[in-house]
Amino acid sequence: SMVLQREQPVPVWGTAAADEAVSVSFGGQTVSTRADAQGKWKVSLAVMKANATPQEMTVAGAGNTLVFKDVLVGEVWLCSGQSNMGLEVRKSLNVSNDMATANYAGIRCITIYGAAISNQCYEINPSFERQHYSLTPQDTCHGTWQTCTPANVANWSAVGYFFGRKLQSELRVPVGMI
């Protein structure tokens, strides 16, 4: 249920066996590469126009195939900041009607959770929540894309949701929020 950025090349990356051939197919295009000696690979999908029709992205290697379903192309926005960005929709004032009517197939959200605990992480605000943030770039993250429904929207960022809803109504393209 992810959204890919429209009108920009879309990077897709992952890991495989060293020198393994990998192909990525999406939206009528297929891009291939080989993993490097450490097993890392990266390709870029060509620029695409917004598309609200759900599609599948297939990532295939010699021994494994991953299929991502219900993928849209539109606007993707990073919703980041201080505690105001973390306030969930369900904790907003006078929000019961907004939550009850939050059926927007073209609005998607993924909440990224803190990095796994290791000696590379810096702990933020340990007395409130045990949140850990890496001081180095990470190859993976923890989170799941969700389509906007009354059940899902409750725990989304309130600022992100109301911004995404307004943006989607004005632009009339899918909107993904990270």
Protein backbone atom coordinates (compact mmCIF):
# COMPACT_ATOMS: atom_id res chain seq x y z
CA SER A 1 0.00 0.00 0.00
CA MET A 2 2.94 2.35 -0.56
CA VAL A 3 3.06 5.49 -2.69
CA LEU A 4 5.99 6.22 -5.02
CA GLN A 5 6.99 9.79 -5.86
CA ARG A 6 5.64 11.07 -9.17
CA GLU A 7 7.70 13.00 -11.72
CA GLN A 8 11.04 11.93 -10.19
CA PRO A 9 13.26 8.87 -10.73
CA VAL A 10 12.37 6.31 -8.05
CA PRO A 11 15.31 4.52 -6.38
CA VAL A 12 14.76 0.91 -5.33
CA TRP A 13 17.47 -0.97 -3.44
CA GLY A 14 18.09 -4.06 -1.39
CA THR A 15 20.39 -6.97 -0.75
CA ALA A 16 21.02 -10.28 -2.51
CA ALA A 17 23.85 -12.74 -2.85
CA ALA A 18 27.09 -11.23 -4.14
CA ASP A 19 26.93 -10.76 -7.94
CA GLU A 20 23.31 -11.99 -8.07
CA ALA A 21 21.18 -10.63 -10.92
CA VAL A 22 18.19 -8.60 -9.68
CA SER A 23 15.31 -7.07 -11.62
CA VAL A 24 12.61 -4.63 -10.56
CA SER A 25 9.37 -4.39 -12.54
CA PHE A 26 6.74 -1.72 -12.07
CA GLY A 27 4.39 0.33 -14.22
CA GLY A 28 5.41 -1.28 -17.51
CA GLN A 29 9.15 -0.95 -16.94
CA THR A 30 11.78 -3.44 -15.85
CA VAL A 31 15.22 -2.41 -14.62
CA SER A 32 18.00 -4.91 -13.92
CA THR A 33 21.32 -4.87 -12.12
CA ARG A 34 23.74 -7.13 -10.24
CA ALA A 35 24.50 -7.06 -6.55
CA ASP A 36 27.97 -5.88 -5.59
CA ALA A 37 30.53 -7.95 -3.64
CA GLN A 38 28.73 -7.10 -0.36
CA GLY A 39 25.35 -8.10 -1.84
CA LYS A 40 24.00 -4.54 -2.10
CA TRP A 41 22.15 -3.36 -5.21
CA LYS A 42 20.25 -0.29 -6.37
CA VAL A 43 18.26 0.65 -9.48
CA SER A 44 16.15 3.66 -10.47
CA LEU A 45 12.74 3.46 -12.06
CA ALA A 46 12.11 6.09 -14.72
CA VAL A 47 9.99 9.17 -14.03
CA MET A 48 6.28 8.33 -13.77
CA LYS A 49 3.10 10.39 -13.80
CA ALA A 50 0.65 10.18 -10.89
CA ASN A 51 -1.46 7.04 -11.03
CA ALA A 52 -4.22 6.09 -8.56
CA THR A 53 -4.69 2.62 -10.08
CA PRO A 54 -3.16 0.01 -7.73
CA GLN A 55 -0.21 -1.77 -9.33
CA GLU A 56 2.29 -4.44 -8.32
CA MET A 57 6.05 -4.00 -7.98
CA THR A 58 8.06 -7.18 -8.42
CA VAL A 59 11.63 -7.52 -7.21
CA ALA A 60 13.19 -10.75 -8.47
CA GLY A 61 16.54 -12.39 -7.90
CA ALA A 62 17.86 -15.88 -8.55
CA GLY A 63 16.37 -17.42 -5.44
CA ASN A 64 13.72 -15.00 -4.22
CA THR A 65 10.86 -12.90 -5.58
CA LEU A 66 9.09 -10.16 -3.62
CA VAL A 67 5.77 -8.71 -4.80
CA PHE A 68 4.54 -5.41 -3.36
CA LYS A 69 0.82 -4.99 -4.01
CA ASP A 70 -1.48 -1.97 -4.13
CA VAL A 71 1.30 0.49 -5.05
CA LEU A 72 0.27 3.98 -6.22
CA VAL A 73 2.24 6.87 -7.74
CA GLY A 74 1.70 10.42 -6.47
CA GLU A 75 3.03 12.88 -3.92
CA VAL A 76 5.25 11.61 -1.08
CA TRP A 77 5.89 13.88 1.89
CA LEU A 78 8.19 13.51 4.88
CA CYS A 79 6.35 14.49 8.06
CA SER A 80 9.05 15.16 10.60
CA GLY A 81 9.61 17.47 13.51
CA GLN A 82 9.16 17.79 17.21
CA SER A 83 6.47 16.30 19.45
CA ASN A 84 3.73 18.18 17.56
CA MET A 85 4.27 15.84 14.59
CA GLY A 86 3.95 12.80 16.85
CA LEU A 87 0.48 13.73 18.16
CA GLU A 88 -1.90 11.02 16.91
CA VAL A 89 -5.19 11.80 15.18
CA ARG A 90 -7.14 10.09 18.00
CA LYS A 91 -5.70 12.59 20.51
CA SER A 92 -6.79 15.66 18.51
CA LEU A 93 -9.69 17.83 19.59
CA ASN A 94 -13.16 17.28 18.08
CA VAL A 95 -11.89 14.56 15.76
CA SER A 96 -14.59 11.86 16.02
CA ASN A 97 -16.28 12.80 12.73
CA ASP A 98 -12.93 13.12 10.93
CA MET A 99 -11.94 9.64 12.07
CA ALA A 100 -15.32 8.09 11.25
CA THR A 101 -15.19 9.39 7.66
CA ALA A 102 -11.49 8.72 7.00
CA ASN A 103 -11.98 6.46 3.97
CA TYR A 104 -9.42 7.71 1.44
CA ALA A 105 -7.89 4.98 -0.73
CA GLY A 106 -5.49 7.54 -2.22
CA ILE A 107 -3.97 8.58 1.11
CA ARG A 108 -1.33 6.31 2.61
CA CYS A 109 1.00 6.58 5.59
CA ILE A 110 4.00 4.77 7.01
CA THR A 111 5.24 5.54 10.50
CA ILE A 112 8.93 4.73 10.86
CA TYR A 113 9.91 3.50 14.28
CA GLY A 114 13.28 4.01 15.97
CA ALA A 115 16.31 1.96 14.99
CA ALA A 116 16.94 -1.36 16.63
CA ILE A 117 18.95 -1.11 19.83
CA SER A 118 22.68 -1.54 19.33
CA ASN A 119 25.87 0.15 20.42
CA GLN A 120 25.46 2.49 17.40
CA CYS A 121 22.28 4.10 18.76
CA TYR A 122 21.65 7.20 20.80
CA GLU A 123 18.73 6.99 23.24
CA ILE A 124 16.30 9.91 23.16
CA ASN A 125 14.14 10.86 26.14
CA PRO A 126 14.55 7.56 28.03
CA SER A 127 12.08 8.50 30.78
CA PHE A 128 9.16 9.00 28.36
CA GLU A 129 9.46 6.29 25.70
CA ARG A 130 12.40 4.12 24.85
CA GLN A 131 13.17 5.64 21.48
CA HIS A 132 16.48 4.89 19.84
CA TYR A 133 17.92 6.77 16.91
CA SER A 134 20.95 5.62 14.97
CA LEU A 135 23.83 7.99 14.42
CA THR A 136 24.61 6.29 11.10
CA PRO A 137 22.46 5.56 7.99
CA GLN A 138 20.48 2.34 8.27
CA ASP A 139 19.77 -0.24 5.56
CA THR A 140 16.36 -1.13 7.01
CA CYS A 141 13.60 0.52 8.98
CA HIS A 142 10.57 -0.61 10.95
CA GLY A 143 7.13 0.40 9.74
CA THR A 144 4.21 -0.65 7.54
CA TRP A 145 2.37 1.33 4.87
CA GLN A 146 -1.34 1.73 5.63
CA THR A 147 -4.27 2.93 3.54
CA CYS A 148 -6.41 5.63 5.17
CA THR A 149 -9.38 4.01 6.94
CA PRO A 150 -11.14 4.93 10.18
CA ALA A 151 -9.33 2.08 11.96
CA ASN A 152 -5.86 2.96 10.64
CA VAL A 153 -5.96 6.74 10.87
CA ALA A 154 -6.35 6.79 14.67
CA ASN A 155 -2.60 6.35 15.27
CA TRP A 156 -1.32 8.47 12.36
CA SER A 157 0.30 11.84 12.91
CA ALA A 158 -2.55 14.36 13.13
CA VAL A 159 -0.55 17.08 11.38
CA GLY A 160 0.44 14.59 8.66
CA TYR A 161 -3.11 13.31 8.17
CA PHE A 162 -4.80 16.71 7.90
CA PHE A 163 -2.03 17.98 5.61
CA GLY A 164 -2.24 14.86 3.42
CA ARG A 165 -6.02 15.06 3.23
CA LYS A 166 -5.92 18.71 2.13
CA LEU A 167 -3.14 18.06 -0.36
CA GLN A 168 -4.96 15.08 -1.88
CA SER A 169 -8.23 17.01 -2.23
CA GLU A 170 -6.46 19.90 -3.99
CA LEU A 171 -4.04 17.97 -6.24
CA ARG A 172 -6.31 14.97 -6.90
CA VAL A 173 -3.36 12.55 -6.87
CA PRO A 174 -2.40 9.86 -4.36
CA VAL A 175 -0.55 11.15 -1.29
CA GLY A 176 1.93 9.16 0.79
CA MET A 177 3.22 10.41 4.10
CA ILE A 178 6.32 9.16 5.84
